[in-house]
Amino acid sequence: MLDGIAWIGEFSNENAARRGPGMRGAISLTAARGMEPEGFLVRLGADSEQLRCHDMYLERGALALGPDAQLARVAMYGTCGEWLYVLEDWGMATWYAGHRTVAAMETLTGEEVVCLTMNSWDPPKLILHAPGDGRVWQAEFAEDTGRSSTLDAALRAAGAVFPSVREAPEEEVALYFEEHREELPTAVFTAVGDYCGLSIDRAVVEAGELPLVILPSVR
């Protein structure tokens, strides 16, 4: 099932509480390049000793998560090409939650991050892009970042940018959104997969057969 990451968008509105050994619904994605994978995970709050244990996500129920277990977020991660990716289904992406307030999560020159956060408790779903120049651009699903970037071009090519009231009458915009909103998450994940060259095996994610990372709650 090496089918890009469009499948994550297909199940983005499915309740994450459908618990199996891994993840399927409401998955937030953070992809990063230009830094060492373990280093980025530690900057997200991971413990380097825990990472060295190489536990699998499916084993999370048998692990002692320590005294702060109730505040911990369990995620899974992997690499594809030059990208590290982190998958979370607790409601949003840790990097999104902390990139403005946690100094370690700030991106440096030459480091790129693309983040799709579901914001289940505080919609809307968001696209964030730190292109490596120290800035972070943000857009809601159905928009691009307004930078005319390669990522923006990928969003438009995938049909992930809907018409706005600046481009068409409000009634037409509302009708278009109503007709196509269920397709939108798939289009957004397709675009990010194309831009990053990411392919994540759905069967592996659903089985929980990716490494576990324990992240602190940042809200």
C-alpha atoms as a PDB file:
ATOM      1  CA  MET A   1       0.000   0.000   0.000  1.00  0.00           C
ATOM      2  CA  LEU A   2       2.742   2.477  -0.783  1.00  0.00           C
ATOM      3  CA  ASP A   3       0.218   4.986  -2.054  1.00  0.00           C
ATOM      4  CA  GLY A   4       1.507   8.386  -1.025  1.00  0.00           C
ATOM      5  CA  ILE A   5      -0.372   9.928   1.892  1.00  0.00           C
ATOM      6  CA  ALA A   6      -3.739  10.679   0.262  1.00  0.00           C
ATOM      7  CA  TRP A   7      -5.244   7.861   2.350  1.00  0.00           C
ATOM      8  CA  ILE A   8      -4.613   9.852   5.548  1.00  0.00           C
ATOM      9  CA  GLY A   9      -6.891  12.567   4.196  1.00  0.00           C
ATOM     10  CA  GLU A  10      -9.546  10.033   3.243  1.00  0.00           C
ATOM     11  CA  PHE A  11      -9.939   9.052   6.900  1.00  0.00           C
ATOM     12  CA  SER A  12      -9.320  12.481   8.430  1.00  0.00           C
ATOM     13  CA  ASN A  13     -12.952  12.875   9.523  1.00  0.00           C
ATOM     14  CA  GLU A  14     -13.125   9.397  11.031  1.00  0.00           C
ATOM     15  CA  ASN A  15     -13.134   9.286  14.825  1.00  0.00           C
ATOM     16  CA  ALA A  16      -9.651   8.494  16.102  1.00  0.00           C
ATOM     17  CA  ALA A  17     -11.256   6.548  18.954  1.00  0.00           C
ATOM     18  CA  ARG A  18     -11.648   3.636  16.516  1.00  0.00           C
ATOM     19  CA  ARG A  19      -8.735   1.980  18.240  1.00  0.00           C
ATOM     20  CA  GLY A  20      -6.742  -0.812  16.750  1.00  0.00           C
ATOM     21  CA  PRO A  21      -3.057  -1.458  17.227  1.00  0.00           C
ATOM     22  CA  GLY A  22      -2.198   1.640  15.202  1.00  0.00           C
ATOM     23  CA  MET A  23      -3.848   4.733  13.697  1.00  0.00           C
ATOM     24  CA  ARG A  24      -6.233   5.478  10.886  1.00  0.00           C
ATOM     25  CA  GLY A  25      -8.624   8.354  11.580  1.00  0.00           C
ATOM     26  CA  ALA A  26      -7.964  12.039  12.324  1.00  0.00           C
ATOM     27  CA  ILE A  27      -4.194  11.818  11.876  1.00  0.00           C
ATOM     28  CA  SER A  28      -2.127  15.004  12.041  1.00  0.00           C
ATOM     29  CA  LEU A  29       1.153  15.002  10.114  1.00  0.00           C
ATOM     30  CA  THR A  30       4.389  16.854  10.732  1.00  0.00           C
ATOM     31  CA  ALA A  31       7.163  16.407   8.156  1.00  0.00           C
ATOM     32  CA  ALA A  32      10.622  17.901   8.660  1.00  0.00           C
ATOM     33  CA  ARG A  33      13.914  17.949   6.803  1.00  0.00           C
ATOM     34  CA  GLY A  34      17.243  19.660   7.182  1.00  0.00           C
ATOM     35  CA  MET A  35      17.887  18.331  10.694  1.00  0.00           C
ATOM     36  CA  GLU A  36      18.729  15.007  12.315  1.00  0.00           C
ATOM     37  CA  PRO A  37      15.531  12.991  12.902  1.00  0.00           C
ATOM     38  CA  GLU A  38      16.291  12.184  16.550  1.00  0.00           C
ATOM     39  CA  GLY A  39      17.277  15.784  17.173  1.00  0.00           C
ATOM     40  CA  PHE A  40      13.947  17.064  15.860  1.00  0.00           C
ATOM     41  CA  LEU A  41      12.002  14.546  17.965  1.00  0.00           C
ATOM     42  CA  VAL A  42      13.911  15.656  21.068  1.00  0.00           C
ATOM     43  CA  ARG A  43      13.062  19.260  20.218  1.00  0.00           C
ATOM     44  CA  LEU A  44       9.401  18.198  20.152  1.00  0.00           C
ATOM     45  CA  GLY A  45       9.886  16.970  23.713  1.00  0.00           C
ATOM     46  CA  ALA A  46      10.863  13.319  23.225  1.00  0.00           C
ATOM     47  CA  ASP A  47      13.288  11.650  25.601  1.00  0.00           C
ATOM     48  CA  SER A  48      16.408  10.420  23.825  1.00  0.00           C
ATOM     49  CA  GLU A  49      16.607   7.346  26.079  1.00  0.00           C
ATOM     50  CA  GLN A  50      13.060   6.371  25.139  1.00  0.00           C
ATOM     51  CA  LEU A  51      13.918   6.735  21.461  1.00  0.00           C
ATOM     52  CA  ARG A  52      16.899   4.403  21.874  1.00  0.00           C
ATOM     53  CA  CYS A  53      14.548   1.661  23.139  1.00  0.00           C
ATOM     54  CA  HIS A  54      13.069   1.389  19.612  1.00  0.00           C
ATOM     55  CA  ASP A  55       9.644   0.404  20.938  1.00  0.00           C
ATOM     56  CA  MET A  56       6.897  -0.031  18.353  1.00  0.00           C
ATOM     57  CA  TYR A  57       3.694   1.987  18.556  1.00  0.00           C
ATOM     58  CA  LEU A  58       1.606  -1.182  18.856  1.00  0.00           C
ATOM     59  CA  GLU A  59       3.459  -1.981  22.115  1.00  0.00           C
ATOM     60  CA  ARG A  60       2.369   1.242  23.807  1.00  0.00           C
ATOM     61  CA  GLY A  61      -0.203  -0.443  26.080  1.00  0.00           C
ATOM     62  CA  ALA A  62       2.440  -2.636  27.690  1.00  0.00           C
ATOM     63  CA  LEU A  63       4.885   0.193  28.400  1.00  0.00           C
ATOM     64  CA  ALA A  64       5.298   2.150  31.607  1.00  0.00           C
ATOM     65  CA  LEU A  65       5.064   5.768  30.482  1.00  0.00           C
ATOM     66  CA  GLY A  66       6.159   7.211  33.809  1.00  0.00           C
ATOM     67  CA  PRO A  67       4.505   9.570  36.326  1.00  0.00           C
ATOM     68  CA  ASP A  68       3.459  12.050  33.628  1.00  0.00           C
ATOM     69  CA  ALA A  69       1.613   9.425  31.567  1.00  0.00           C
ATOM     70  CA  GLN A  70      -1.659  11.354  31.656  1.00  0.00           C
ATOM     71  CA  LEU A  71       0.048  14.338  30.074  1.00  0.00           C
ATOM     72  CA  ALA A  72       1.917  12.289  27.469  1.00  0.00           C
ATOM     73  CA  ARG A  73       0.972  12.015  23.816  1.00  0.00           C
ATOM     74  CA  VAL A  74       1.944   8.837  22.034  1.00  0.00           C
ATOM     75  CA  ALA A  75       2.864   9.221  18.386  1.00  0.00           C
ATOM     76  CA  MET A  76       4.633   7.245  15.703  1.00  0.00           C
ATOM     77  CA  TYR A  77       7.335   8.313  13.309  1.00  0.00           C
ATOM     78  CA  GLY A  78       9.366   7.221  10.325  1.00  0.00           C
ATOM     79  CA  THR A  79      11.464   8.529   7.473  1.00  0.00           C
ATOM     80  CA  CYS A  80      10.911   8.763   3.738  1.00  0.00           C
ATOM     81  CA  GLY A  81      13.762  10.080   1.637  1.00  0.00           C
ATOM     82  CA  GLU A  82      15.125  13.194   3.329  1.00  0.00           C
ATOM     83  CA  TRP A  83      11.987  13.716   5.411  1.00  0.00           C
ATOM     84  CA  LEU A  84      11.159  12.659   8.963  1.00  0.00           C
ATOM     85  CA  TYR A  85       7.426  12.348   9.552  1.00  0.00           C
ATOM     86  CA  VAL A  86       5.481  12.263  12.821  1.00  0.00           C
ATOM     87  CA  LEU A  87       1.904  10.960  12.970  1.00  0.00           C
ATOM     88  CA  GLU A  88      -0.444  11.869  15.847  1.00  0.00           C
ATOM     89  CA  ASP A  89      -4.152  11.208  16.378  1.00  0.00           C
ATOM     90  CA  TRP A  90      -4.815  12.912  19.722  1.00  0.00           C
ATOM     91  CA  GLY A  91      -6.405  15.984  18.145  1.00  0.00           C
ATOM     92  CA  MET A  92      -3.619  18.141  16.749  1.00  0.00           C
ATOM     93  CA  ALA A  93       0.082  18.156  15.909  1.00  0.00           C
ATOM     94  CA  THR A  94       2.549  18.767  18.746  1.00  0.00           C
ATOM     95  CA  TRP A  95       4.725  20.977  16.544  1.00  0.00           C
ATOM     96  CA  TYR A  96       1.733  23.179  15.736  1.00  0.00           C
ATOM     97  CA  ALA A  97       0.828  23.396  19.427  1.00  0.00           C
ATOM     98  CA  GLY A  98       4.313  24.461  20.480  1.00  0.00           C
ATOM     99  CA  HIS A  99       6.160  26.123  17.615  1.00  0.00           C
ATOM    100  CA  ARG A 100       5.287  29.640  18.805  1.00  0.00           C
ATOM    101  CA  THR A 101       5.824  29.136  22.532  1.00  0.00           C
ATOM    102  CA  VAL A 102       8.503  26.448  22.895  1.00  0.00           C
ATOM    103  CA  ALA A 103      11.904  27.791  21.891  1.00  0.00           C
ATOM    104  CA  ALA A 104      13.270  24.370  20.941  1.00  0.00           C
ATOM    105  CA  MET A 105      10.530  23.947  18.337  1.00  0.00           C
ATOM    106  CA  GLU A 106      11.400  27.107  16.434  1.00  0.00           C
ATOM    107  CA  THR A 107      12.814  26.270  13.020  1.00  0.00           C
ATOM    108  CA  LEU A 108      16.244  27.500  12.056  1.00  0.00           C
ATOM    109  CA  THR A 109      17.522  28.667   8.709  1.00  0.00           C
ATOM    110  CA  GLY A 110      17.791  25.691   6.389  1.00  0.00           C
ATOM    111  CA  GLU A 111      15.240  23.605   8.298  1.00  0.00           C
ATOM    112  CA  GLU A 112      11.889  22.959   6.623  1.00  0.00           C
ATOM    113  CA  VAL A 113       8.675  21.805   8.270  1.00  0.00           C
ATOM    114  CA  VAL A 114       5.302  21.065   6.708  1.00  0.00           C
ATOM    115  CA  CYS A 115       2.483  20.400   9.170  1.00  0.00           C
ATOM    116  CA  LEU A 116      -1.142  19.367   8.694  1.00  0.00           C
ATOM    117  CA  THR A 117      -2.970  19.652  12.007  1.00  0.00           C
ATOM    118  CA  MET A 118      -6.535  18.400  12.460  1.00  0.00           C
ATOM    119  CA  ASN A 119      -7.346  20.712  15.407  1.00  0.00           C
ATOM    120  CA  SER A 120     -10.183  18.432  16.433  1.00  0.00           C
ATOM    121  CA  TRP A 121     -11.009  20.543  19.504  1.00  0.00           C
ATOM    122  CA  ASP A 122     -10.403  23.933  17.924  1.00  0.00           C
ATOM    123  CA  PRO A 123     -11.142  23.916  14.175  1.00  0.00           C
ATOM    124  CA  PRO A 124     -10.319  24.663  11.443  1.00  0.00           C
ATOM    125  CA  LYS A 125      -7.801  22.179  10.084  1.00  0.00           C
ATOM    126  CA  LEU A 126      -4.603  24.032   9.201  1.00  0.00           C
ATOM    127  CA  ILE A 127      -1.627  23.835   6.858  1.00  0.00           C
ATOM    128  CA  LEU A 128       1.635  25.253   8.228  1.00  0.00           C
ATOM    129  CA  HIS A 129       4.844  25.671   6.266  1.00  0.00           C
ATOM    130  CA  ALA A 130       8.201  26.746   7.639  1.00  0.00           C
ATOM    131  CA  PRO A 131      10.227  26.942   4.401  1.00  0.00           C
ATOM    132  CA  GLY A 132      13.613  27.330   6.062  1.00  0.00           C
ATOM    133  CA  ASP A 133      13.929  31.091   6.328  1.00  0.00           C
ATOM    134  CA  GLY A 134      12.859  31.382   9.953  1.00  0.00           C
ATOM    135  CA  ARG A 135       9.221  32.205   9.171  1.00  0.00           C
ATOM    136  CA  VAL A 136       6.084  30.076   9.431  1.00  0.00           C
ATOM    137  CA  TRP A 137       3.199  30.477   6.994  1.00  0.00           C
ATOM    138  CA  GLN A 138      -0.284  29.249   7.816  1.00  0.00           C
ATOM    139  CA  ALA A 139      -3.495  28.613   5.899  1.00  0.00           C
ATOM    140  CA  GLU A 140      -6.777  26.876   6.493  1.00  0.00           C
ATOM    141  CA  PHE A 141      -7.653  23.795   4.471  1.00  0.00           C
ATOM    142  CA  ALA A 142      -9.118  25.060   1.149  1.00  0.00           C
ATOM    143  CA  GLU A 143      -6.540  27.883   0.991  1.00  0.00           C
ATOM    144  CA  ASP A 144      -2.893  28.210   0.053  1.00  0.00           C
ATOM    145  CA  THR A 145      -0.328  30.193   2.026  1.00  0.00           C
ATOM    146  CA  GLY A 146      -0.404  33.110  -0.413  1.00  0.00           C
ATOM    147  CA  ARG A 147       3.319  32.911  -1.126  1.00  0.00           C
ATOM    148  CA  SER A 148       3.105  31.469  -4.665  1.00  0.00           C
ATOM    149  CA  SER A 149       5.485  28.781  -3.408  1.00  0.00           C
ATOM    150  CA  THR A 150       6.064  25.298  -4.784  1.00  0.00           C
ATOM    151  CA  LEU A 151       3.852  23.987  -1.986  1.00  0.00           C
ATOM    152  CA  ASP A 152       1.108  26.415  -3.004  1.00  0.00           C
ATOM    153  CA  ALA A 153       1.423  25.187  -6.586  1.00  0.00           C
ATOM    154  CA  ALA A 154       1.052  21.591  -5.390  1.00  0.00           C
ATOM    155  CA  LEU A 155      -2.059  22.525  -3.408  1.00  0.00           C
ATOM    156  CA  ARG A 156      -3.611  24.121  -6.471  1.00  0.00           C
ATOM    157  CA  ALA A 157      -2.652  21.224  -8.737  1.00  0.00           C
ATOM    158  CA  ALA A 158      -4.314  18.762  -6.350  1.00  0.00           C
ATOM    159  CA  GLY A 159      -7.548  20.765  -6.210  1.00  0.00           C
ATOM    160  CA  ALA A 160      -6.961  21.687  -2.577  1.00  0.00           C
ATOM    161  CA  VAL A 161      -7.497  25.439  -3.044  1.00  0.00           C
ATOM    162  CA  PHE A 162     -11.168  26.388  -3.265  1.00  0.00           C
ATOM    163  CA  PRO A 163     -12.472  29.633  -4.789  1.00  0.00           C
ATOM    164  CA  SER A 164     -12.855  32.528  -2.371  1.00  0.00           C
ATOM    165  CA  VAL A 165     -15.290  35.430  -2.210  1.00  0.00           C
ATOM    166  CA  ARG A 166     -12.583  37.555  -3.829  1.00  0.00           C
ATOM    167  CA  GLU A 167     -12.831  35.377  -6.922  1.00  0.00           C
ATOM    168  CA  ALA A 168     -16.529  34.493  -7.157  1.00  0.00           C
ATOM    169  CA  PRO A 169     -19.922  35.444  -5.669  1.00  0.00           C
ATOM    170  CA  GLU A 170     -20.432  34.278  -2.104  1.00  0.00           C
ATOM    171  CA  GLU A 171     -23.278  31.959  -3.108  1.00  0.00           C
ATOM    172  CA  GLU A 172     -21.080  30.188  -5.664  1.00  0.00           C
ATOM    173  CA  VAL A 173     -18.260  29.828  -3.170  1.00  0.00           C
ATOM    174  CA  ALA A 174     -20.609  28.341  -0.563  1.00  0.00           C
ATOM    175  CA  LEU A 175     -22.084  25.910  -3.104  1.00  0.00           C
ATOM    176  CA  TYR A 176     -18.628  24.818  -4.292  1.00  0.00           C
ATOM    177  CA  PHE A 177     -17.488  24.209  -0.730  1.00  0.00           C
ATOM    178  CA  GLU A 178     -20.603  22.198   0.065  1.00  0.00           C
ATOM    179  CA  GLU A 179     -20.144  20.038  -3.045  1.00  0.00           C
ATOM    180  CA  HIS A 180     -16.430  19.397  -2.548  1.00  0.00           C
ATOM    181  CA  ARG A 181     -15.712  19.668   1.197  1.00  0.00           C
ATOM    182  CA  GLU A 182     -15.570  15.913   1.743  1.00  0.00           C
ATOM    183  CA  GLU A 183     -12.853  15.670  -0.924  1.00  0.00           C
ATOM    184  CA  LEU A 184     -10.787  18.496   0.592  1.00  0.00           C
ATOM    185  CA  PRO A 185      -8.659  16.611   3.178  1.00  0.00           C
ATOM    186  CA  THR A 186      -7.685  14.015   0.573  1.00  0.00           C
ATOM    187  CA  ALA A 187      -6.654  16.791  -1.817  1.00  0.00           C
ATOM    188  CA  VAL A 188      -4.575  18.532   0.870  1.00  0.00           C
ATOM    189  CA  PHE A 189      -2.729  15.364   1.868  1.00  0.00           C
ATOM    190  CA  THR A 190      -2.229  14.512  -1.814  1.00  0.00           C
ATOM    191  CA  ALA A 191      -0.619  17.905  -2.382  1.00  0.00           C
ATOM    192  CA  VAL A 192       1.705  17.632   0.617  1.00  0.00           C
ATOM    193  CA  GLY A 193       2.635  14.092  -0.359  1.00  0.00           C
ATOM    194  CA  ASP A 194       3.482  15.276  -3.866  1.00  0.00           C
ATOM    195  CA  TYR A 195       5.453  18.270  -2.595  1.00  0.00           C
ATOM    196  CA  CYS A 196       7.480  16.254  -0.078  1.00  0.00           C
ATOM    197  CA  GLY A 197       7.666  13.041  -2.095  1.00  0.00           C
ATOM    198  CA  LEU A 198       6.175  11.263   0.927  1.00  0.00           C
ATOM    199  CA  SER A 199       4.782   7.751   0.789  1.00  0.00           C
ATOM    200  CA  ILE A 200       3.598   6.169   4.035  1.00  0.00           C
ATOM    201  CA  ASP A 201       2.297   2.615   4.063  1.00  0.00           C
ATOM    202  CA  ARG A 202      -1.284   2.597   5.335  1.00  0.00           C
ATOM    203  CA  ALA A 203      -1.107  -1.053   6.414  1.00  0.00           C
ATOM    204  CA  VAL A 204       1.976  -0.369   8.551  1.00  0.00           C
ATOM    205  CA  VAL A 205       0.353   2.651  10.220  1.00  0.00           C
ATOM    206  CA  GLU A 206      -2.894   0.799  10.931  1.00  0.00           C
ATOM    207  CA  ALA A 207      -0.916  -2.087  12.404  1.00  0.00           C
ATOM    208  CA  GLY A 208       1.147   0.254  14.595  1.00  0.00           C
ATOM    209  CA  GLU A 209       4.369  -1.113  13.149  1.00  0.00           C
ATOM    210  CA  LEU A 210       6.274   2.165  13.282  1.00  0.00           C
ATOM    211  CA  PRO A 211       8.502   3.388  16.121  1.00  0.00           C
ATOM    212  CA  LEU A 212       6.812   4.943  19.141  1.00  0.00           C
ATOM    213  CA  VAL A 213       7.663   8.416  20.379  1.00  0.00           C
ATOM    214  CA  ILE A 214       6.260   9.840  23.608  1.00  0.00           C
ATOM    215  CA  LEU A 215       5.705  13.597  23.486  1.00  0.00           C
ATOM    216  CA  PRO A 216       4.652  15.953  26.279  1.00  0.00           C
ATOM    217  CA  SER A 217       1.329  17.724  26.114  1.00  0.00           C
ATOM    218  CA  VAL A 218       1.769  21.241  24.726  1.00  0.00           C
ATOM    219  CA  ARG A 219      -1.392  23.372  24.605  1.00  0.00           C
END
